[in-house]
């Protein structure tokens, strides 16, 4: 059974930060419907939650539910995924609560990926399914053919 939870976001950005270029400060209306509820948001950075809220507002008019397939990951869990051969980077932003793999009700995965890419604000990964990876790291994008996880590029940060 799916339950709808509305999360009121308490963002600590000052008026000055809000007046800056929106490139790194996308945020929605303060209400976010997440499948699985509040516990799915546990460990996620406020900046990522604000971005998810923005995506929901822009792509579904605030009516579509977001499913967080994978949000915060402990370093131990991330390493288990890596040992299983999953696309999990050694220095994954999931470990910092700055990334989530999401699906959005009523929005095609490719359309969601292309929209996030167009924001030029963050990371977006597409694996040719219903969902995408989104993070609040540097602007970049990839799909399963260009991810380069196996090269361990982030392992030396």
Protein backbone atom coordinates (compact mmCIF):
# COMPACT_ATOMS: atom_id res chain seq x y z
CA UNK A 1 0.00 0.00 0.00
CA UNK A 2 1.43 3.33 -0.98
CA UNK A 3 1.08 6.20 1.42
CA UNK A 4 1.60 9.79 0.63
CA UNK A 5 3.72 11.85 2.94
CA UNK A 6 4.22 15.52 2.58
CA UNK A 7 7.49 16.75 3.92
CA UNK A 8 7.89 20.35 4.89
CA UNK A 9 11.38 21.37 4.05
CA UNK A 10 13.16 23.66 6.41
CA UNK A 11 15.90 25.17 4.35
CA UNK A 12 18.45 27.35 6.03
CA UNK A 13 19.37 29.37 2.99
CA UNK A 14 19.50 33.06 3.66
CA UNK A 15 17.87 35.64 1.43
CA UNK A 16 21.28 36.34 -0.06
CA UNK A 17 21.82 32.68 -1.01
CA UNK A 18 18.34 32.56 -2.53
CA UNK A 19 19.17 35.61 -4.66
CA UNK A 20 22.20 33.90 -6.21
CA UNK A 21 22.10 32.23 -9.59
CA UNK A 22 19.69 29.30 -9.44
CA UNK A 23 22.26 26.95 -10.97
CA UNK A 24 23.05 25.32 -7.64
CA UNK A 25 19.98 26.23 -5.60
CA UNK A 26 16.97 24.57 -7.16
CA UNK A 27 14.16 24.04 -4.70
CA UNK A 28 10.45 23.33 -4.93
CA UNK A 29 7.41 24.46 -2.99
CA UNK A 30 8.37 22.75 0.29
CA UNK A 31 6.07 19.74 -0.13
CA UNK A 32 7.46 16.44 -1.34
CA UNK A 33 5.47 13.23 -1.85
CA UNK A 34 7.76 10.24 -1.41
CA UNK A 35 6.72 6.63 -1.80
CA UNK A 36 7.80 4.83 1.35
CA UNK A 37 7.57 7.96 3.44
CA UNK A 38 9.87 9.97 5.60
CA UNK A 39 12.32 7.15 6.32
CA UNK A 40 13.34 7.18 2.64
CA UNK A 41 14.62 10.74 3.19
CA UNK A 42 16.74 9.78 6.20
CA UNK A 43 20.37 10.68 5.69
CA UNK A 44 19.79 12.76 2.54
CA UNK A 45 21.22 16.26 2.41
CA UNK A 46 18.70 19.14 2.52
CA UNK A 47 20.08 20.33 -0.83
CA UNK A 48 19.24 16.97 -2.47
CA UNK A 49 15.77 16.91 -0.90
CA UNK A 50 15.17 20.44 -2.22
CA UNK A 51 16.26 19.34 -5.71
CA UNK A 52 13.91 16.34 -5.59
CA UNK A 53 11.09 18.68 -4.57
CA UNK A 54 11.93 20.96 -7.52
CA UNK A 55 11.90 18.02 -9.95
CA UNK A 56 8.55 16.83 -8.65
CA UNK A 57 7.01 20.29 -8.93
CA UNK A 58 8.33 20.93 -12.46
CA UNK A 59 7.67 17.52 -13.98
CA UNK A 60 4.39 16.52 -12.33
CA UNK A 61 2.94 19.77 -11.05
CA UNK A 62 3.64 18.49 -7.53
CA UNK A 63 1.21 15.61 -7.98
CA UNK A 64 3.54 12.73 -8.93
CA UNK A 65 5.15 10.60 -6.26
CA UNK A 66 8.90 10.01 -6.14
CA UNK A 67 10.22 6.59 -5.22
CA UNK A 68 13.69 6.66 -3.76
CA UNK A 69 15.08 3.31 -4.87
CA UNK A 70 18.45 3.92 -3.23
CA UNK A 71 19.25 6.96 -1.10
CA UNK A 72 21.84 7.23 1.65
CA UNK A 73 24.19 4.23 1.76
CA UNK A 74 26.58 3.42 4.55
CA UNK A 75 30.15 2.84 3.39
CA UNK A 76 29.73 -0.84 4.30
CA UNK A 77 26.57 -1.23 2.21
CA UNK A 78 28.15 0.63 -0.71
CA UNK A 79 31.14 -1.71 -0.61
CA UNK A 80 28.81 -4.75 -0.56
CA UNK A 81 27.15 -3.43 -3.72
CA UNK A 82 30.56 -3.02 -5.35
CA UNK A 83 31.54 -6.60 -4.47
CA UNK A 84 28.28 -7.77 -6.10
CA UNK A 85 29.32 -6.02 -9.31
CA UNK A 86 26.71 -3.25 -9.07
CA UNK A 87 27.38 0.23 -10.47
CA UNK A 88 28.46 1.73 -7.15
CA UNK A 89 31.46 4.04 -7.13
CA UNK A 90 34.07 3.74 -4.38
CA UNK A 91 33.62 7.43 -3.56
CA UNK A 92 29.86 7.41 -4.23
CA UNK A 93 27.89 10.51 -3.26
CA UNK A 94 25.29 8.12 -1.81
CA UNK A 95 27.70 7.71 1.12
CA UNK A 96 27.48 11.44 1.80
CA UNK A 97 23.67 11.55 1.45
CA UNK A 98 24.11 13.67 -1.67
CA UNK A 99 22.73 11.15 -4.20
CA UNK A 100 19.63 9.08 -4.83
CA UNK A 101 18.43 6.64 -7.44
CA UNK A 102 14.84 7.64 -8.11
CA UNK A 103 11.76 6.89 -10.16
CA UNK A 104 8.99 9.43 -10.61
CA UNK A 105 5.38 8.37 -11.14
CA UNK A 106 4.15 9.40 -14.57
CA UNK A 107 7.57 10.52 -15.84
CA UNK A 108 9.64 8.47 -18.25
CA UNK A 109 13.21 7.83 -17.05
CA UNK A 110 14.80 9.29 -20.17
CA UNK A 111 12.68 12.44 -19.93
CA UNK A 112 13.65 12.81 -16.25
CA UNK A 113 17.35 12.35 -17.10
CA UNK A 114 17.23 14.86 -19.93
CA UNK A 115 15.47 17.41 -17.70
CA UNK A 116 18.12 17.08 -14.96
CA UNK A 117 20.91 17.32 -17.55
CA UNK A 118 19.36 20.54 -18.83
CA UNK A 119 19.57 22.14 -15.38
CA UNK A 120 23.39 21.99 -15.49
CA UNK A 121 23.42 21.77 -11.71
CA UNK A 122 24.25 18.25 -10.72
CA UNK A 123 24.99 14.67 -11.65
CA UNK A 124 22.52 12.56 -13.63
CA UNK A 125 22.92 8.91 -14.58
CA UNK A 126 20.55 6.99 -16.84
CA UNK A 127 20.42 3.21 -17.13
CA UNK A 128 17.63 2.90 -19.72
CA UNK A 129 14.86 2.10 -17.29
CA UNK A 130 12.18 3.96 -15.34
CA UNK A 131 14.59 5.71 -13.02
CA UNK A 132 17.77 7.71 -12.86
CA UNK A 133 20.61 8.55 -10.50
CA UNK A 134 20.61 12.18 -9.39
CA UNK A 135 23.12 13.89 -7.12
CA UNK A 136 24.09 17.36 -6.02
CA UNK A 137 27.72 16.98 -6.98
CA UNK A 138 29.40 18.72 -9.92
CA UNK A 139 27.42 18.97 -13.18
CA UNK A 140 27.97 15.81 -15.25
CA UNK A 141 25.98 13.02 -16.83
CA UNK A 142 26.38 9.42 -17.97
CA UNK A 143 24.63 6.21 -18.88
CA UNK A 144 25.62 2.58 -18.28
CA UNK A 145 28.05 2.66 -21.21
CA UNK A 146 29.94 5.73 -20.00
CA UNK A 147 29.79 5.43 -16.20
CA UNK A 148 33.48 4.37 -15.81
CA UNK A 149 32.77 2.96 -12.31
CA UNK A 150 35.06 0.02 -13.13
CA UNK A 151 37.96 2.46 -13.60
CA UNK A 152 37.64 3.60 -9.96
CA UNK A 153 38.24 7.23 -10.96
CA UNK A 154 36.79 8.58 -7.70
CA UNK A 155 38.86 6.27 -5.50
CA UNK A 156 41.66 8.76 -5.12
CA UNK A 157 39.69 11.87 -4.15
